[in-house]
Amino acid sequence: METVCATCGLPKNICVCGQIAKESQKITIRVEQRRFKKYLTIVEGLEDAIAKEVAKTLKSKLACGGTIQNGRIELQGNHRHEIKKILVQEGFKESSIHD
C-alpha cells in the first residue's frame, strides 16, 4: 500500500507539493564582500524544508563551501549568475528569482 502525502492527500509517487512549493518562492540573490576581499553569495526567501536540499545541490554544482544560517543559504565566492541558472534548472520560476 502506498503512503499518502499529508499536505495534498495524493499518493507519494504523484505528489505535487514539492513543485508547488518551488513555484511559490520569492528568491533573492545578493553578494556581500567580507574581510580580506572574500565574497559571500546569499540566497534568501526559501522555505527551510526546501533550503537544505537546494543548498546541497548548489554546493555540489558550484564546487564551493556553504551553510544555511538564519533561514538563508550562504555560499563562498561570487556565484550570482550561476545560481540563477541552476535554480531555473531545478524547477524554480525565473520570474521569482531576483538578483
N, C-alpha and C. Protein backbone atom coordinates (compact mmCIF):
# COMPACT_ATOMS: atom_id res chain seq x y z
N MET A 1 0.84 -1.18 0.00
CA MET A 1 0.00 0.00 0.00
C MET A 1 0.89 1.24 0.00
N GLU A 2 0.53 2.20 -0.82
CA GLU A 2 1.32 3.41 -0.97
C GLU A 2 1.04 4.38 0.17
N THR A 3 2.08 5.14 0.51
CA THR A 3 1.90 6.17 1.52
C THR A 3 1.28 7.41 0.89
N VAL A 4 0.57 8.16 1.70
CA VAL A 4 -0.15 9.33 1.22
C VAL A 4 0.50 10.59 1.79
N CYS A 5 0.62 11.60 0.96
CA CYS A 5 1.20 12.88 1.38
C CYS A 5 0.24 13.55 2.37
N ALA A 6 0.78 14.05 3.46
CA ALA A 6 -0.04 14.70 4.48
C ALA A 6 -0.55 16.07 4.03
N THR A 7 0.15 16.71 3.09
CA THR A 7 -0.22 18.05 2.65
C THR A 7 -1.32 18.04 1.59
N CYS A 8 -1.10 17.28 0.50
CA CYS A 8 -2.05 17.33 -0.61
C CYS A 8 -3.00 16.13 -0.64
N GLY A 9 -2.69 15.05 0.07
CA GLY A 9 -3.56 13.89 0.12
C GLY A 9 -3.40 12.94 -1.04
N LEU A 10 -2.44 13.19 -1.92
CA LEU A 10 -2.18 12.31 -3.05
C LEU A 10 -1.13 11.26 -2.67
N PRO A 11 -1.08 10.15 -3.40
CA PRO A 11 0.00 9.19 -3.15
C PRO A 11 1.36 9.84 -3.39
N LYS A 12 2.38 9.37 -2.66
CA LYS A 12 3.72 9.97 -2.73
C LYS A 12 4.30 9.97 -4.14
N ASN A 13 4.00 8.96 -4.96
CA ASN A 13 4.60 8.90 -6.29
C ASN A 13 4.04 9.96 -7.25
N ILE A 14 2.87 10.55 -6.97
CA ILE A 14 2.32 11.60 -7.83
C ILE A 14 2.11 12.91 -7.07
N CYS A 15 2.72 13.04 -5.90
CA CYS A 15 2.58 14.24 -5.07
C CYS A 15 3.14 15.46 -5.80
N VAL A 16 2.43 16.57 -5.74
CA VAL A 16 2.84 17.80 -6.42
C VAL A 16 3.22 18.90 -5.45
N CYS A 17 3.31 18.59 -4.18
CA CYS A 17 3.62 19.62 -3.17
C CYS A 17 4.98 20.26 -3.40
N GLY A 18 5.98 19.47 -3.75
CA GLY A 18 7.32 20.00 -3.97
C GLY A 18 7.35 20.98 -5.12
N GLN A 19 6.68 20.66 -6.20
CA GLN A 19 6.66 21.56 -7.37
C GLN A 19 5.90 22.83 -7.07
N ILE A 20 4.79 22.74 -6.36
CA ILE A 20 4.02 23.93 -6.00
C ILE A 20 4.83 24.83 -5.07
N ALA A 21 5.53 24.22 -4.13
CA ALA A 21 6.36 25.00 -3.20
C ALA A 21 7.47 25.72 -3.94
N LYS A 22 8.08 25.08 -4.93
CA LYS A 22 9.15 25.72 -5.70
C LYS A 22 8.62 26.90 -6.50
N GLU A 23 7.43 26.79 -7.05
CA GLU A 23 6.88 27.85 -7.89
C GLU A 23 6.42 29.05 -7.08
N SER A 24 6.13 28.87 -5.79
CA SER A 24 5.59 29.97 -4.98
C SER A 24 6.67 30.73 -4.22
N GLN A 25 7.94 30.39 -4.37
CA GLN A 25 9.03 31.04 -3.65
C GLN A 25 9.39 32.39 -4.29
N LYS A 26 9.75 33.35 -3.46
CA LYS A 26 10.29 34.64 -3.91
C LYS A 26 11.76 34.66 -3.47
N ILE A 27 12.65 34.41 -4.40
CA ILE A 27 14.07 34.20 -4.09
C ILE A 27 14.87 35.45 -4.41
N THR A 28 15.75 35.83 -3.48
CA THR A 28 16.64 36.97 -3.67
C THR A 28 18.08 36.47 -3.59
N ILE A 29 18.89 36.87 -4.57
CA ILE A 29 20.30 36.51 -4.60
C ILE A 29 21.11 37.80 -4.50
N ARG A 30 22.07 37.83 -3.56
CA ARG A 30 22.93 39.01 -3.44
C ARG A 30 24.33 38.57 -3.04
N VAL A 31 25.28 39.46 -3.23
CA VAL A 31 26.68 39.17 -2.91
C VAL A 31 27.17 40.21 -1.91
N GLU A 32 27.84 39.73 -0.86
CA GLU A 32 28.46 40.60 0.13
C GLU A 32 29.96 40.41 0.09
N GLN A 33 30.68 41.48 0.33
CA GLN A 33 32.13 41.38 0.42
C GLN A 33 32.51 41.34 1.89
N ARG A 34 33.24 40.32 2.27
CA ARG A 34 33.66 40.14 3.65
C ARG A 34 35.11 40.60 3.81
N ARG A 35 35.68 40.27 4.94
CA ARG A 35 37.07 40.65 5.21
C ARG A 35 38.01 40.04 4.19
N PHE A 36 39.11 40.72 3.96
CA PHE A 36 40.16 40.25 3.06
C PHE A 36 39.67 40.06 1.63
N LYS A 37 38.70 40.86 1.21
CA LYS A 37 38.14 40.83 -0.15
C LYS A 37 37.58 39.45 -0.54
N LYS A 38 37.00 38.77 0.42
CA LYS A 38 36.34 37.49 0.15
C LYS A 38 34.86 37.77 -0.10
N TYR A 39 34.28 37.07 -1.06
CA TYR A 39 32.88 37.27 -1.41
C TYR A 39 32.02 36.15 -0.84
N LEU A 40 30.78 36.51 -0.52
CA LEU A 40 29.80 35.58 0.02
C LEU A 40 28.50 35.78 -0.74
N THR A 41 28.01 34.75 -1.41
CA THR A 41 26.76 34.83 -2.14
C THR A 41 25.64 34.35 -1.22
N ILE A 42 24.59 35.15 -1.09
CA ILE A 42 23.49 34.85 -0.18
C ILE A 42 22.21 34.64 -0.98
N VAL A 43 21.54 33.52 -0.70
CA VAL A 43 20.26 33.19 -1.33
C VAL A 43 19.21 33.21 -0.23
N GLU A 44 18.22 34.11 -0.35
CA GLU A 44 17.18 34.26 0.67
C GLU A 44 15.80 34.03 0.07
N GLY A 45 14.84 33.70 0.94
CA GLY A 45 13.46 33.56 0.51
C GLY A 45 13.00 32.14 0.32
N LEU A 46 13.82 31.16 0.67
CA LEU A 46 13.43 29.76 0.53
C LEU A 46 12.89 29.24 1.85
N GLU A 47 11.91 28.34 1.78
CA GLU A 47 11.41 27.68 2.98
C GLU A 47 12.50 26.75 3.52
N ASP A 48 12.48 26.52 4.82
CA ASP A 48 13.52 25.70 5.46
C ASP A 48 13.58 24.29 4.89
N ALA A 49 12.44 23.69 4.57
CA ALA A 49 12.42 22.33 4.04
C ALA A 49 13.09 22.25 2.67
N ILE A 50 12.92 23.26 1.86
CA ILE A 50 13.50 23.28 0.52
C ILE A 50 14.94 23.77 0.56
N ALA A 51 15.26 24.68 1.48
CA ALA A 51 16.58 25.31 1.52
C ALA A 51 17.70 24.29 1.72
N LYS A 52 17.47 23.29 2.53
CA LYS A 52 18.51 22.30 2.80
C LYS A 52 18.86 21.52 1.53
N GLU A 53 17.85 21.12 0.80
CA GLU A 53 18.06 20.38 -0.46
C GLU A 53 18.72 21.26 -1.52
N VAL A 54 18.27 22.51 -1.62
CA VAL A 54 18.82 23.44 -2.60
C VAL A 54 20.27 23.76 -2.28
N ALA A 55 20.60 23.95 -1.00
CA ALA A 55 21.97 24.25 -0.60
C ALA A 55 22.91 23.11 -0.98
N LYS A 56 22.47 21.91 -0.77
CA LYS A 56 23.29 20.74 -1.13
C LYS A 56 23.54 20.71 -2.63
N THR A 57 22.52 20.96 -3.42
CA THR A 57 22.65 20.98 -4.87
C THR A 57 23.58 22.09 -5.34
N LEU A 58 23.40 23.29 -4.79
CA LEU A 58 24.23 24.43 -5.20
C LEU A 58 25.69 24.20 -4.84
N LYS A 59 25.95 23.69 -3.65
CA LYS A 59 27.33 23.47 -3.23
C LYS A 59 28.02 22.44 -4.11
N SER A 60 27.31 21.40 -4.51
CA SER A 60 27.94 20.38 -5.34
C SER A 60 28.14 20.86 -6.78
N LYS A 61 27.18 21.59 -7.34
CA LYS A 61 27.31 22.05 -8.72
C LYS A 61 28.29 23.20 -8.87
N LEU A 62 28.43 24.02 -7.82
CA LEU A 62 29.34 25.17 -7.88
C LEU A 62 30.71 24.85 -7.29
N ALA A 63 30.86 23.68 -6.70
CA ALA A 63 32.12 23.25 -6.09
C ALA A 63 32.64 24.29 -5.10
N CYS A 64 31.76 24.65 -4.15
CA CYS A 64 32.14 25.63 -3.14
C CYS A 64 31.58 25.20 -1.79
N GLY A 65 32.05 25.84 -0.75
CA GLY A 65 31.54 25.59 0.58
C GLY A 65 30.37 26.50 0.86
N GLY A 66 29.60 26.14 1.87
CA GLY A 66 28.47 26.98 2.21
C GLY A 66 27.73 26.44 3.42
N THR A 67 26.73 27.20 3.86
CA THR A 67 25.96 26.84 5.03
C THR A 67 24.56 27.44 4.93
N ILE A 68 23.71 27.00 5.84
CA ILE A 68 22.38 27.60 5.98
C ILE A 68 22.35 28.26 7.35
N GLN A 69 22.19 29.58 7.38
CA GLN A 69 22.13 30.32 8.63
C GLN A 69 21.00 31.32 8.58
N ASN A 70 20.23 31.39 9.65
CA ASN A 70 19.13 32.35 9.77
C ASN A 70 18.16 32.28 8.60
N GLY A 71 17.88 31.09 8.10
CA GLY A 71 16.93 30.93 7.01
C GLY A 71 17.44 31.35 5.65
N ARG A 72 18.74 31.44 5.48
CA ARG A 72 19.30 31.81 4.19
C ARG A 72 20.51 30.93 3.88
N ILE A 73 20.78 30.76 2.60
CA ILE A 73 21.91 29.95 2.16
C ILE A 73 23.08 30.89 1.91
N GLU A 74 24.23 30.58 2.50
CA GLU A 74 25.43 31.37 2.31
C GLU A 74 26.47 30.50 1.62
N LEU A 75 26.94 30.94 0.45
CA LEU A 75 27.92 30.21 -0.33
C LEU A 75 29.20 31.02 -0.46
N GLN A 76 30.33 30.36 -0.39
CA GLN A 76 31.61 31.04 -0.51
C GLN A 76 31.87 31.39 -1.97
N GLY A 77 32.21 32.64 -2.23
CA GLY A 77 32.51 33.08 -3.59
C GLY A 77 31.37 33.86 -4.22
N ASN A 78 31.64 34.46 -5.36
CA ASN A 78 30.65 35.23 -6.10
C ASN A 78 30.07 34.35 -7.20
N HIS A 79 28.87 33.82 -6.96
CA HIS A 79 28.23 32.89 -7.89
C HIS A 79 26.84 33.39 -8.31
N ARG A 80 26.63 34.69 -8.30
CA ARG A 80 25.30 35.25 -8.52
C ARG A 80 24.66 34.76 -9.82
N HIS A 81 25.38 34.79 -10.93
CA HIS A 81 24.79 34.45 -12.22
C HIS A 81 24.61 32.94 -12.40
N GLU A 82 25.53 32.16 -11.88
CA GLU A 82 25.43 30.71 -12.00
C GLU A 82 24.27 30.17 -11.17
N ILE A 83 24.03 30.77 -10.00
CA ILE A 83 22.96 30.29 -9.11
C ILE A 83 21.60 30.43 -9.79
N LYS A 84 21.38 31.53 -10.47
CA LYS A 84 20.09 31.74 -11.14
C LYS A 84 19.84 30.66 -12.18
N LYS A 85 20.86 30.30 -12.95
CA LYS A 85 20.72 29.26 -13.97
C LYS A 85 20.42 27.90 -13.33
N ILE A 86 21.11 27.60 -12.23
CA ILE A 86 20.91 26.31 -11.56
C ILE A 86 19.52 26.23 -10.95
N LEU A 87 19.04 27.32 -10.34
CA LEU A 87 17.71 27.31 -9.74
C LEU A 87 16.62 27.11 -10.80
N VAL A 88 16.79 27.70 -11.96
CA VAL A 88 15.82 27.51 -13.05
C VAL A 88 15.83 26.05 -13.50
N GLN A 89 17.01 25.43 -13.59
CA GLN A 89 17.11 24.02 -13.95
C GLN A 89 16.45 23.13 -12.91
N GLU A 90 16.47 23.54 -11.66
CA GLU A 90 15.90 22.75 -10.56
C GLU A 90 14.38 22.90 -10.47
N GLY A 91 13.78 23.79 -11.25
CA GLY A 91 12.33 23.88 -11.29
C GLY A 91 11.75 25.16 -10.72
N PHE A 92 12.56 26.11 -10.31
CA PHE A 92 12.06 27.38 -9.81
C PHE A 92 11.77 28.28 -11.00
N LYS A 93 10.75 29.15 -10.88
CA LYS A 93 10.40 30.06 -11.95
C LYS A 93 11.42 31.19 -12.03
N GLU A 94 11.83 31.53 -13.24
CA GLU A 94 12.83 32.58 -13.44
C GLU A 94 12.29 33.93 -12.98
N SER A 95 11.00 34.15 -13.11
CA SER A 95 10.43 35.44 -12.72
C SER A 95 10.40 35.64 -11.20
N SER A 96 10.53 34.55 -10.43
CA SER A 96 10.51 34.67 -8.98
C SER A 96 11.91 34.81 -8.38
N ILE A 97 12.96 34.82 -9.24
CA ILE A 97 14.34 34.93 -8.77
C ILE A 97 14.84 36.33 -9.08
N HIS A 98 15.23 37.06 -8.03
CA HIS A 98 15.70 38.44 -8.18
C HIS A 98 17.14 38.54 -7.71
N ASP A 99 17.97 39.23 -8.50
CA ASP A 99 19.33 39.46 -8.03
C ASP A 99 19.65 40.91 -7.96
